Structures are given as C-alpha cells and as structure tokens.
Amino acid sequence: MTKIKDTKTALSVFEEAATKHAEATQQGDYKTCNKVYAIIVKSINFLREHNEEAALMTFLDHNSVGVRSWAATYLLPIREDEAVQVLEDLVKRADIFSLDAETTLSEWRKGNLKL
C-alpha cells in the first residue's frame, strides 16, 4: 500500500480502496472487502488526524457508488445534510448499496453509528 503522507495521497488511496470495495461487494468477495476496508479506515484516520475530513466532499458526486457511499458515511458527523442527501439517493437504488445506505442512515439517526 502507498504510504499516506499528505491529504492528496489519502484521498487517492481512499478513492481506490472504496472503488475496489464496491466491486468486491458486487462479486461477493468478502476477503477483498475486508482488505480494502482496512485501507479505507487508514486513509480516513489520516484525514481526521490532519482535520481534512471535509476533503471527502469532492467524492459525493463520484461515478463509483462505493466512493459516494463511503465518503457520505464518513462525512455524516461534519456535513450531515449533504451526506444524508447522498445516502438517501443511494437508498433509491435497486441493489446491495441501497440496503447499505438505508442501514447506515437508520443507525446514524438512532445514534448507533460510531465513526
């Protein structure tokens, strides 16, 4: 994995891992999902440590559903309105990502989602 040394790298690593996570989800490849999830978390942790989480806003209209979904999820604590809108749009889909977005929103609204 690329060493994360700046925000640009963290965003690039996040984008690549979130894209791979979505592809692996569609294929039912849980091993790859787990592997790239760890990378997503690593990039998010870097952004948090440097107060750069808002940089994820650039991904809310990304062409990958995985990138949009992960970005919106991690933006909930700091940009709730925009993140909720993206997740509500994903709920309207007819695929696994709809259920994921619905569950994320439900748990967020109940106060159970700890990011």
C-alpha atoms as a PDB file:
ATOM      1  CA  MET A   1       0.000   0.000   0.000  1.00  0.00           C
ATOM      2  CA  THR A   2       1.064   3.545  -0.696  1.00  0.00           C
ATOM      3  CA  LYS A   3       2.355   5.376   2.365  1.00  0.00           C
ATOM      4  CA  ILE A   4      -0.023   8.181   3.220  1.00  0.00           C
ATOM      5  CA  LYS A   5       1.989  11.334   3.691  1.00  0.00           C
ATOM      6  CA  ASP A   6      -0.416  14.076   2.637  1.00  0.00           C
ATOM      7  CA  THR A   7      -4.080  14.804   2.008  1.00  0.00           C
ATOM      8  CA  LYS A   8      -3.828  14.270  -1.737  1.00  0.00           C
ATOM      9  CA  THR A   9      -2.428  10.778  -1.209  1.00  0.00           C
ATOM     10  CA  ALA A  10      -5.013   9.984   1.458  1.00  0.00           C
ATOM     11  CA  LEU A  11      -7.811  10.945  -0.925  1.00  0.00           C
ATOM     12  CA  SER A  12      -6.319   8.932  -3.757  1.00  0.00           C
ATOM     13  CA  VAL A  13      -5.904   5.867  -1.526  1.00  0.00           C
ATOM     14  CA  PHE A  14      -9.463   6.305  -0.226  1.00  0.00           C
ATOM     15  CA  GLU A  15     -10.881   6.583  -3.753  1.00  0.00           C
ATOM     16  CA  GLU A  16      -9.079   3.487  -4.995  1.00  0.00           C
ATOM     17  CA  ALA A  17      -9.967   1.394  -1.941  1.00  0.00           C
ATOM     18  CA  ALA A  18     -13.636   2.473  -1.928  1.00  0.00           C
ATOM     19  CA  THR A  19     -13.908   1.631  -5.626  1.00  0.00           C
ATOM     20  CA  LYS A  20     -12.380  -1.804  -5.050  1.00  0.00           C
ATOM     21  CA  HIS A  21     -14.664  -2.349  -2.062  1.00  0.00           C
ATOM     22  CA  ALA A  22     -17.744  -1.707  -4.207  1.00  0.00           C
ATOM     23  CA  GLU A  23     -16.502  -4.072  -6.911  1.00  0.00           C
ATOM     24  CA  ALA A  24     -15.725  -6.773  -4.357  1.00  0.00           C
ATOM     25  CA  THR A  25     -19.131  -6.274  -2.735  1.00  0.00           C
ATOM     26  CA  GLN A  26     -20.866  -6.865  -6.058  1.00  0.00           C
ATOM     27  CA  GLN A  27     -18.820 -10.034  -6.574  1.00  0.00           C
ATOM     28  CA  GLY A  28     -19.377 -11.300  -3.045  1.00  0.00           C
ATOM     29  CA  ASP A  29     -15.615 -11.261  -2.400  1.00  0.00           C
ATOM     30  CA  TYR A  30     -15.523 -10.709   1.343  1.00  0.00           C
ATOM     31  CA  LYS A  31     -11.762 -11.197   1.611  1.00  0.00           C
ATOM     32  CA  THR A  32     -11.077  -8.275  -0.706  1.00  0.00           C
ATOM     33  CA  CYS A  33     -13.783  -6.229   1.045  1.00  0.00           C
ATOM     34  CA  ASN A  34     -12.071  -6.744   4.391  1.00  0.00           C
ATOM     35  CA  LYS A  35      -8.639  -5.957   2.963  1.00  0.00           C
ATOM     36  CA  VAL A  36      -9.658  -2.706   1.283  1.00  0.00           C
ATOM     37  CA  TYR A  37     -11.855  -1.659   4.205  1.00  0.00           C
ATOM     38  CA  ALA A  38      -8.705  -1.532   6.316  1.00  0.00           C
ATOM     39  CA  ILE A  39      -7.200   0.791   3.714  1.00  0.00           C
ATOM     40  CA  ILE A  40     -10.313   2.995   3.731  1.00  0.00           C
ATOM     41  CA  VAL A  41     -10.031   3.316   7.507  1.00  0.00           C
ATOM     42  CA  LYS A  42      -6.324   4.117   7.292  1.00  0.00           C
ATOM     43  CA  SER A  43      -6.974   6.942   4.845  1.00  0.00           C
ATOM     44  CA  ILE A  44      -9.870   8.276   6.946  1.00  0.00           C
ATOM     45  CA  ASN A  45      -7.700   8.209  10.061  1.00  0.00           C
ATOM     46  CA  PHE A  46      -5.044  10.250   8.278  1.00  0.00           C
ATOM     47  CA  LEU A  47      -7.631  12.804   7.171  1.00  0.00           C
ATOM     48  CA  ARG A  48      -9.028  13.043  10.702  1.00  0.00           C
ATOM     49  CA  GLU A  49      -5.603  13.471  12.264  1.00  0.00           C
ATOM     50  CA  HIS A  50      -4.998  16.405   9.926  1.00  0.00           C
ATOM     51  CA  ASN A  51      -8.518  17.884  10.158  1.00  0.00           C
ATOM     52  CA  GLU A  52      -9.073  17.236   6.461  1.00  0.00           C
ATOM     53  CA  GLU A  53     -12.201  15.061   6.512  1.00  0.00           C
ATOM     54  CA  ALA A  54     -14.145  17.743   4.640  1.00  0.00           C
ATOM     55  CA  ALA A  55     -11.947  16.995   1.621  1.00  0.00           C
ATOM     56  CA  LEU A  56     -14.177  13.936   1.114  1.00  0.00           C
ATOM     57  CA  MET A  57     -16.854  16.328  -0.162  1.00  0.00           C
ATOM     58  CA  THR A  58     -15.251  16.080  -3.601  1.00  0.00           C
ATOM     59  CA  PHE A  59     -16.386  12.444  -3.739  1.00  0.00           C
ATOM     60  CA  LEU A  60     -20.110  12.975  -3.123  1.00  0.00           C
ATOM     61  CA  ASP A  61     -20.809  13.014  -6.861  1.00  0.00           C
ATOM     62  CA  HIS A  62     -18.210  10.408  -7.820  1.00  0.00           C
ATOM     63  CA  ASN A  63     -19.172   7.927 -10.525  1.00  0.00           C
ATOM     64  CA  SER A  64     -18.437   4.964  -8.216  1.00  0.00           C
ATOM     65  CA  VAL A  65     -21.295   4.170  -5.873  1.00  0.00           C
ATOM     66  CA  GLY A  66     -18.777   2.831  -3.380  1.00  0.00           C
ATOM     67  CA  VAL A  67     -16.812   6.061  -3.294  1.00  0.00           C
ATOM     68  CA  ARG A  68     -20.007   8.105  -2.860  1.00  0.00           C
ATOM     69  CA  SER A  69     -21.295   5.813  -0.143  1.00  0.00           C
ATOM     70  CA  TRP A  70     -18.096   5.682   1.905  1.00  0.00           C
ATOM     71  CA  ALA A  71     -17.498   9.422   1.560  1.00  0.00           C
ATOM     72  CA  ALA A  72     -21.056  10.219   2.645  1.00  0.00           C
ATOM     73  CA  THR A  73     -20.810   7.846   5.580  1.00  0.00           C
ATOM     74  CA  TYR A  74     -17.642   9.443   6.914  1.00  0.00           C
ATOM     75  CA  LEU A  75     -18.991  12.941   6.293  1.00  0.00           C
ATOM     76  CA  LEU A  76     -22.085  12.393   8.446  1.00  0.00           C
ATOM     77  CA  PRO A  77     -20.519  13.898  11.600  1.00  0.00           C
ATOM     78  CA  ILE A  78     -19.291  17.059   9.886  1.00  0.00           C
ATOM     79  CA  ARG A  79     -21.501  17.607   6.831  1.00  0.00           C
ATOM     80  CA  GLU A  80     -24.666  15.811   7.818  1.00  0.00           C
ATOM     81  CA  ASP A  81     -27.117  17.450   5.398  1.00  0.00           C
ATOM     82  CA  GLU A  82     -25.029  16.759   2.298  1.00  0.00           C
ATOM     83  CA  ALA A  83     -24.102  13.255   3.439  1.00  0.00           C
ATOM     84  CA  VAL A  84     -27.692  12.312   4.252  1.00  0.00           C
ATOM     85  CA  GLN A  85     -28.836  13.523   0.820  1.00  0.00           C
ATOM     86  CA  VAL A  86     -26.306  11.281  -0.930  1.00  0.00           C
ATOM     87  CA  LEU A  87     -27.237   8.287   1.207  1.00  0.00           C
ATOM     88  CA  GLU A  88     -30.966   8.913   0.650  1.00  0.00           C
ATOM     89  CA  ASP A  89     -30.303   8.946  -3.103  1.00  0.00           C
ATOM     90  CA  LEU A  90     -28.470   5.630  -2.775  1.00  0.00           C
ATOM     91  CA  VAL A  91     -31.435   4.129  -0.902  1.00  0.00           C
ATOM     92  CA  LYS A  92     -33.461   4.542  -4.119  1.00  0.00           C
ATOM     93  CA  ARG A  93     -31.185   2.131  -5.992  1.00  0.00           C
ATOM     94  CA  ALA A  94     -32.195  -1.470  -6.601  1.00  0.00           C
ATOM     95  CA  ASP A  95     -29.026  -3.181  -5.408  1.00  0.00           C
ATOM     96  CA  ILE A  96     -26.948  -4.071  -2.356  1.00  0.00           C
ATOM     97  CA  PHE A  97     -25.810  -0.478  -1.998  1.00  0.00           C
ATOM     98  CA  SER A  98     -29.394   0.573  -1.314  1.00  0.00           C
ATOM     99  CA  LEU A  99     -29.589  -1.661   1.739  1.00  0.00           C
ATOM    100  CA  ASP A 100     -26.192  -0.457   2.931  1.00  0.00           C
ATOM    101  CA  ALA A 101     -27.231   3.199   2.650  1.00  0.00           C
ATOM    102  CA  GLU A 102     -30.568   2.518   4.336  1.00  0.00           C
ATOM    103  CA  THR A 103     -28.865   0.738   7.239  1.00  0.00           C
ATOM    104  CA  THR A 104     -26.251   3.476   7.584  1.00  0.00           C
ATOM    105  CA  LEU A 105     -28.939   6.162   7.747  1.00  0.00           C
ATOM    106  CA  SER A 106     -31.042   4.175  10.184  1.00  0.00           C
ATOM    107  CA  GLU A 107     -28.148   3.588  12.554  1.00  0.00           C
ATOM    108  CA  TRP A 108     -26.995   7.212  12.259  1.00  0.00           C
ATOM    109  CA  ARG A 109     -30.453   8.505  13.126  1.00  0.00           C
ATOM    110  CA  LYS A 110     -30.671   6.166  16.124  1.00  0.00           C
ATOM    111  CA  GLY A 111     -27.278   7.393  17.326  1.00  0.00           C
ATOM    112  CA  ASN A 112     -25.731   3.949  16.988  1.00  0.00           C
ATOM    113  CA  LEU A 113     -23.212   4.712  14.271  1.00  0.00           C
ATOM    114  CA  LYS A 114     -19.815   5.467  15.716  1.00  0.00           C
ATOM    115  CA  LEU A 115     -17.389   6.694  13.102  1.00  0.00           C
END
